[in-house]
Amino acid sequence: MVKIDEMGFGWITVDGKKHRHDVVIFPSGEVKKRKGGFLMFGSHSFKRKEFEELSVEKADVLVVGTGTDGVAKISEEAKDFLEKAKVKLIALPSLEAVKKFNELVEHGKKVGAIIHVTC
């Protein structure tokens, strides 16, 4: 499984590769650029569609980094979807979310993540 090495405002390093945009990390370890939002950064709102894409791999836990200041929000529709899919949601400011993601991976959990790298 992948490891998030570090992050700061506007960037994140996953398995040694620096990304200057929000990332989606699938339970398989695949890392993709998060779609939508302004320029290279993702939206300040997490929508159901994003979580549906991640749910295909049947994660035990989805970690959402809500930005460096925790400003990004998760829509109620997205929360409802995860509840029905029986996927545990952990939403934290991004720096805390990175630590939690790595901790869960180290404990053998099947984890997906969306990390917002601004706000």
N, C-alpha and C. Protein backbone atom coordinates (compact mmCIF):
# COMPACT_ATOMS: atom_id res chain seq x y z
N MET A 1 0.85 -1.19 0.00
CA MET A 1 0.00 0.00 0.00
C MET A 1 0.88 1.24 0.00
N VAL A 2 0.35 2.31 -0.48
CA VAL A 2 1.10 3.56 -0.56
C VAL A 2 1.26 4.20 0.81
N LYS A 3 2.20 5.12 0.86
CA LYS A 3 2.41 5.91 2.08
C LYS A 3 2.46 7.37 1.66
N ILE A 4 1.79 8.20 2.45
CA ILE A 4 1.89 9.64 2.22
C ILE A 4 3.10 10.11 3.00
N ASP A 5 4.09 10.63 2.28
CA ASP A 5 5.35 11.02 2.91
C ASP A 5 5.22 12.33 3.68
N GLU A 6 4.63 13.33 3.04
CA GLU A 6 4.45 14.63 3.69
C GLU A 6 3.52 15.48 2.84
N MET A 7 3.10 16.60 3.43
CA MET A 7 2.29 17.54 2.67
C MET A 7 2.43 18.93 3.26
N GLY A 8 2.10 19.91 2.46
CA GLY A 8 2.06 21.30 2.89
C GLY A 8 1.03 22.00 2.04
N PHE A 9 0.84 23.28 2.26
CA PHE A 9 -0.18 24.02 1.51
C PHE A 9 0.14 23.97 0.02
N GLY A 10 -0.77 23.36 -0.75
CA GLY A 10 -0.65 23.31 -2.20
C GLY A 10 0.11 22.11 -2.76
N TRP A 11 0.55 21.19 -1.90
CA TRP A 11 1.29 20.02 -2.40
C TRP A 11 1.18 18.85 -1.42
N ILE A 12 1.45 17.67 -1.97
CA ILE A 12 1.47 16.44 -1.18
C ILE A 12 2.44 15.47 -1.86
N THR A 13 3.20 14.73 -1.06
CA THR A 13 4.13 13.74 -1.61
C THR A 13 3.64 12.35 -1.19
N VAL A 14 3.40 11.51 -2.21
CA VAL A 14 2.92 10.15 -1.99
C VAL A 14 3.93 9.19 -2.61
N ASP A 15 4.47 8.30 -1.79
CA ASP A 15 5.48 7.33 -2.25
C ASP A 15 6.60 8.02 -3.04
N GLY A 16 7.07 9.13 -2.53
CA GLY A 16 8.20 9.84 -3.14
C GLY A 16 7.86 10.73 -4.31
N LYS A 17 6.60 10.74 -4.75
CA LYS A 17 6.22 11.57 -5.89
C LYS A 17 5.42 12.78 -5.40
N LYS A 18 5.90 13.97 -5.75
CA LYS A 18 5.26 15.21 -5.31
C LYS A 18 4.13 15.59 -6.28
N HIS A 19 2.96 15.88 -5.71
CA HIS A 19 1.79 16.31 -6.48
C HIS A 19 1.44 17.72 -6.05
N ARG A 20 1.16 18.58 -6.99
CA ARG A 20 0.77 19.96 -6.68
C ARG A 20 -0.73 20.15 -6.95
N HIS A 21 -1.50 19.17 -6.47
CA HIS A 21 -2.96 19.18 -6.63
C HIS A 21 -3.55 18.19 -5.63
N ASP A 22 -4.85 18.25 -5.45
CA ASP A 22 -5.53 17.28 -4.59
C ASP A 22 -5.34 15.88 -5.17
N VAL A 23 -5.33 14.89 -4.29
CA VAL A 23 -5.16 13.52 -4.75
C VAL A 23 -6.28 12.62 -4.24
N VAL A 24 -6.53 11.57 -5.02
CA VAL A 24 -7.42 10.48 -4.64
C VAL A 24 -6.53 9.25 -4.57
N ILE A 25 -6.58 8.57 -3.43
CA ILE A 25 -5.78 7.36 -3.26
C ILE A 25 -6.75 6.18 -3.10
N PHE A 26 -6.65 5.24 -4.01
CA PHE A 26 -7.52 4.07 -4.00
C PHE A 26 -6.93 3.00 -3.07
N PRO A 27 -7.78 2.12 -2.53
CA PRO A 27 -7.28 1.06 -1.66
C PRO A 27 -6.22 0.18 -2.34
N SER A 28 -6.23 0.11 -3.65
CA SER A 28 -5.23 -0.68 -4.40
C SER A 28 -3.86 -0.02 -4.39
N GLY A 29 -3.82 1.27 -4.01
CA GLY A 29 -2.57 2.02 -4.02
C GLY A 29 -2.46 2.99 -5.18
N GLU A 30 -3.40 2.92 -6.12
CA GLU A 30 -3.38 3.85 -7.25
C GLU A 30 -3.64 5.27 -6.74
N VAL A 31 -2.89 6.22 -7.29
CA VAL A 31 -3.03 7.63 -6.92
C VAL A 31 -3.42 8.41 -8.17
N LYS A 32 -4.50 9.20 -8.05
CA LYS A 32 -4.97 10.01 -9.17
C LYS A 32 -5.16 11.45 -8.73
N LYS A 33 -5.15 12.34 -9.70
CA LYS A 33 -5.49 13.74 -9.45
C LYS A 33 -6.98 13.83 -9.22
N ARG A 34 -7.36 14.57 -8.19
CA ARG A 34 -8.78 14.81 -7.93
C ARG A 34 -9.32 15.78 -8.97
N LYS A 35 -10.47 15.47 -9.53
CA LYS A 35 -11.07 16.30 -10.57
C LYS A 35 -11.87 17.45 -9.98
N GLY A 36 -12.12 18.45 -10.82
CA GLY A 36 -12.97 19.56 -10.43
C GLY A 36 -12.22 20.64 -9.70
N GLY A 37 -12.93 21.69 -9.37
CA GLY A 37 -12.33 22.76 -8.60
C GLY A 37 -11.70 23.83 -9.46
N PHE A 38 -10.91 24.66 -8.82
CA PHE A 38 -10.30 25.83 -9.43
C PHE A 38 -8.87 25.51 -9.86
N LEU A 39 -8.56 25.77 -11.11
CA LEU A 39 -7.24 25.49 -11.66
C LEU A 39 -6.83 24.05 -11.34
N MET A 40 -5.71 23.86 -10.64
CA MET A 40 -5.23 22.50 -10.39
C MET A 40 -5.76 21.91 -9.10
N PHE A 41 -6.39 22.75 -8.27
CA PHE A 41 -6.83 22.27 -6.97
C PHE A 41 -8.29 21.82 -7.04
N GLY A 42 -8.64 20.85 -6.23
CA GLY A 42 -9.99 20.30 -6.22
C GLY A 42 -10.98 21.23 -5.56
N SER A 43 -12.21 20.90 -5.70
CA SER A 43 -13.31 21.66 -5.14
C SER A 43 -13.23 21.70 -3.62
N HIS A 44 -13.88 22.70 -3.03
CA HIS A 44 -13.95 22.82 -1.58
C HIS A 44 -15.15 22.05 -1.03
N SER A 45 -15.76 21.23 -1.87
CA SER A 45 -16.88 20.41 -1.46
C SER A 45 -16.70 19.01 -2.03
N PHE A 46 -16.86 18.00 -1.18
CA PHE A 46 -16.76 16.62 -1.61
C PHE A 46 -18.14 16.11 -1.95
N LYS A 47 -18.29 15.55 -3.15
CA LYS A 47 -19.58 15.10 -3.65
C LYS A 47 -19.67 13.57 -3.68
N ARG A 48 -20.88 13.10 -3.73
CA ARG A 48 -21.15 11.65 -3.76
C ARG A 48 -20.40 10.95 -4.88
N LYS A 49 -20.34 11.56 -6.06
CA LYS A 49 -19.71 10.93 -7.22
C LYS A 49 -18.26 10.54 -6.94
N GLU A 50 -17.55 11.38 -6.20
CA GLU A 50 -16.16 11.07 -5.86
C GLU A 50 -16.07 9.82 -5.00
N PHE A 51 -16.99 9.68 -4.06
CA PHE A 51 -16.99 8.54 -3.15
C PHE A 51 -17.46 7.28 -3.86
N GLU A 52 -18.35 7.43 -4.84
CA GLU A 52 -18.79 6.27 -5.62
C GLU A 52 -17.60 5.66 -6.36
N GLU A 53 -16.77 6.52 -6.92
CA GLU A 53 -15.59 6.04 -7.66
C GLU A 53 -14.67 5.24 -6.74
N LEU A 54 -14.48 5.72 -5.53
CA LEU A 54 -13.62 5.03 -4.58
C LEU A 54 -14.24 3.74 -4.05
N SER A 55 -15.55 3.69 -3.98
CA SER A 55 -16.24 2.54 -3.36
C SER A 55 -16.13 1.26 -4.18
N VAL A 56 -15.76 1.37 -5.44
CA VAL A 56 -15.63 0.20 -6.30
C VAL A 56 -14.64 -0.80 -5.70
N GLU A 57 -13.61 -0.30 -5.03
CA GLU A 57 -12.59 -1.18 -4.46
C GLU A 57 -12.90 -1.62 -3.03
N LYS A 58 -14.08 -1.30 -2.53
CA LYS A 58 -14.55 -1.79 -1.23
C LYS A 58 -13.59 -1.49 -0.06
N ALA A 59 -13.32 -0.22 0.14
CA ALA A 59 -12.48 0.19 1.27
C ALA A 59 -13.20 -0.07 2.59
N ASP A 60 -12.42 -0.35 3.63
CA ASP A 60 -12.97 -0.44 4.99
C ASP A 60 -13.20 0.97 5.54
N VAL A 61 -12.28 1.86 5.16
CA VAL A 61 -12.28 3.22 5.69
C VAL A 61 -11.96 4.19 4.57
N LEU A 62 -12.62 5.35 4.59
CA LEU A 62 -12.29 6.43 3.67
C LEU A 62 -11.84 7.61 4.51
N VAL A 63 -10.60 8.04 4.28
CA VAL A 63 -10.05 9.19 4.98
C VAL A 63 -10.15 10.40 4.05
N VAL A 64 -10.76 11.46 4.55
CA VAL A 64 -10.91 12.67 3.76
C VAL A 64 -10.16 13.80 4.45
N GLY A 65 -9.22 14.37 3.73
CA GLY A 65 -8.49 15.54 4.22
C GLY A 65 -9.23 16.78 3.75
N THR A 66 -9.76 17.54 4.69
CA THR A 66 -10.64 18.67 4.38
C THR A 66 -9.89 19.99 4.18
N GLY A 67 -8.60 19.91 3.92
CA GLY A 67 -7.79 21.09 3.67
C GLY A 67 -6.90 21.42 4.85
N THR A 68 -5.90 22.25 4.60
CA THR A 68 -4.95 22.58 5.66
C THR A 68 -5.61 23.28 6.84
N ASP A 69 -6.67 24.01 6.58
CA ASP A 69 -7.43 24.67 7.65
C ASP A 69 -8.78 23.99 7.91
N GLY A 70 -9.04 22.86 7.24
CA GLY A 70 -10.28 22.11 7.45
C GLY A 70 -11.52 22.79 6.91
N VAL A 71 -11.38 23.58 5.85
CA VAL A 71 -12.48 24.37 5.31
C VAL A 71 -13.42 23.58 4.38
N ALA A 72 -12.88 22.62 3.65
CA ALA A 72 -13.69 21.87 2.68
C ALA A 72 -14.76 21.05 3.41
N LYS A 73 -15.91 20.90 2.77
CA LYS A 73 -17.07 20.23 3.37
C LYS A 73 -17.45 18.98 2.58
N ILE A 74 -18.06 18.04 3.27
CA ILE A 74 -18.58 16.83 2.66
C ILE A 74 -20.09 16.96 2.55
N SER A 75 -20.63 16.78 1.35
CA SER A 75 -22.07 16.92 1.16
C SER A 75 -22.82 15.84 1.94
N GLU A 76 -24.03 16.16 2.34
CA GLU A 76 -24.87 15.19 3.05
C GLU A 76 -25.15 13.97 2.18
N GLU A 77 -25.33 14.20 0.88
CA GLU A 77 -25.57 13.10 -0.06
C GLU A 77 -24.37 12.14 -0.06
N ALA A 78 -23.16 12.68 0.01
CA ALA A 78 -21.96 11.85 0.04
C ALA A 78 -21.88 11.07 1.35
N LYS A 79 -22.19 11.71 2.45
CA LYS A 79 -22.18 11.03 3.76
C LYS A 79 -23.20 9.90 3.78
N ASP A 80 -24.39 10.17 3.26
CA ASP A 80 -25.44 9.15 3.20
C ASP A 80 -25.00 7.95 2.36
N PHE A 81 -24.36 8.23 1.23
CA PHE A 81 -23.88 7.16 0.36
C PHE A 81 -22.91 6.24 1.11
N LEU A 82 -21.95 6.83 1.82
CA LEU A 82 -20.96 6.03 2.55
C LEU A 82 -21.62 5.22 3.66
N GLU A 83 -22.58 5.82 4.32
CA GLU A 83 -23.28 5.10 5.39
C GLU A 83 -23.98 3.87 4.83
N LYS A 84 -24.68 4.04 3.71
CA LYS A 84 -25.38 2.91 3.09
C LYS A 84 -24.41 1.86 2.56
N ALA A 85 -23.24 2.31 2.10
CA ALA A 85 -22.22 1.39 1.58
C ALA A 85 -21.41 0.74 2.71
N LYS A 86 -21.70 1.16 3.95
CA LYS A 86 -21.02 0.62 5.14
C LYS A 86 -19.50 0.86 5.10
N VAL A 87 -19.14 2.07 4.67
CA VAL A 87 -17.74 2.49 4.66
C VAL A 87 -17.57 3.54 5.75
N LYS A 88 -16.63 3.31 6.64
CA LYS A 88 -16.38 4.25 7.72
C LYS A 88 -15.71 5.50 7.15
N LEU A 89 -16.22 6.67 7.53
CA LEU A 89 -15.69 7.95 7.07
C LEU A 89 -14.91 8.60 8.21
N ILE A 90 -13.69 9.00 7.90
CA ILE A 90 -12.90 9.80 8.83
C ILE A 90 -12.54 11.08 8.10
N ALA A 91 -13.10 12.20 8.55
CA ALA A 91 -12.83 13.50 7.93
C ALA A 91 -12.07 14.36 8.93
N LEU A 92 -10.90 14.81 8.52
CA LEU A 92 -10.03 15.60 9.37
C LEU A 92 -9.33 16.67 8.53
N PRO A 93 -8.85 17.74 9.17
CA PRO A 93 -7.98 18.65 8.42
C PRO A 93 -6.85 17.82 7.78
N SER A 94 -6.41 18.22 6.61
CA SER A 94 -5.53 17.37 5.80
C SER A 94 -4.26 16.89 6.48
N LEU A 95 -3.59 17.72 7.25
CA LEU A 95 -2.37 17.27 7.91
C LEU A 95 -2.65 16.13 8.89
N GLU A 96 -3.76 16.21 9.60
CA GLU A 96 -4.17 15.13 10.52
C GLU A 96 -4.63 13.91 9.73
N ALA A 97 -5.32 14.15 8.60
CA ALA A 97 -5.81 13.05 7.77
C ALA A 97 -4.66 12.22 7.21
N VAL A 98 -3.57 12.88 6.84
CA VAL A 98 -2.39 12.19 6.33
C VAL A 98 -1.85 11.24 7.40
N LYS A 99 -1.73 11.71 8.62
CA LYS A 99 -1.25 10.86 9.72
C LYS A 99 -2.17 9.67 9.95
N LYS A 100 -3.47 9.93 9.94
CA LYS A 100 -4.46 8.87 10.16
C LYS A 100 -4.41 7.84 9.03
N PHE A 101 -4.32 8.31 7.79
CA PHE A 101 -4.23 7.41 6.64
C PHE A 101 -3.04 6.46 6.81
N ASN A 102 -1.86 7.02 7.09
CA ASN A 102 -0.66 6.19 7.24
C ASN A 102 -0.80 5.20 8.40
N GLU A 103 -1.40 5.64 9.49
CA GLU A 103 -1.62 4.77 10.65
C GLU A 103 -2.52 3.59 10.28
N LEU A 104 -3.61 3.87 9.58
CA LEU A 104 -4.54 2.80 9.18
C LEU A 104 -3.88 1.81 8.22
N VAL A 105 -3.11 2.32 7.29
CA VAL A 105 -2.40 1.46 6.34
C VAL A 105 -1.42 0.56 7.08
N GLU A 106 -0.69 1.14 8.04
CA GLU A 106 0.27 0.35 8.83
C GLU A 106 -0.40 -0.77 9.61
N HIS A 107 -1.67 -0.56 9.97
CA HIS A 107 -2.43 -1.57 10.71
C HIS A 107 -3.19 -2.53 9.78
N GLY A 108 -2.88 -2.48 8.48
CA GLY A 108 -3.44 -3.44 7.54
C GLY A 108 -4.86 -3.17 7.08
N LYS A 109 -5.37 -1.98 7.31
CA LYS A 109 -6.72 -1.64 6.86
C LYS A 109 -6.71 -1.36 5.37
N LYS A 110 -7.84 -1.63 4.73
CA LYS A 110 -8.04 -1.31 3.32
C LYS A 110 -8.59 0.11 3.27
N VAL A 111 -7.72 1.05 2.92
CA VAL A 111 -8.05 2.48 3.07
C VAL A 111 -8.03 3.19 1.72
N GLY A 112 -9.02 4.07 1.55
CA GLY A 112 -9.04 5.00 0.44
C GLY A 112 -8.93 6.40 1.02
N ALA A 113 -8.54 7.35 0.19
CA ALA A 113 -8.41 8.73 0.68
C ALA A 113 -8.63 9.74 -0.41
N ILE A 114 -9.12 10.89 0.01
CA ILE A 114 -9.14 12.07 -0.85
C ILE A 114 -8.54 13.16 0.02
N ILE A 115 -7.45 13.76 -0.46
CA ILE A 115 -6.78 14.78 0.33
C ILE A 115 -6.79 16.10 -0.43
N HIS A 116 -7.40 17.11 0.22
CA HIS A 116 -7.48 18.47 -0.32
C HIS A 116 -6.25 19.21 0.19
N VAL A 117 -5.46 19.81 -0.71
CA VAL A 117 -4.17 20.37 -0.31
C VAL A 117 -4.16 21.88 -0.08
N THR A 118 -5.30 22.53 -0.23
CA THR A 118 -5.37 23.96 0.08
C THR A 118 -6.42 24.18 1.16
N CYS A 119 -6.69 25.39 1.46
CA CYS A 119 -7.65 25.88 2.46
C CYS A 119 -7.82 24.97 3.64
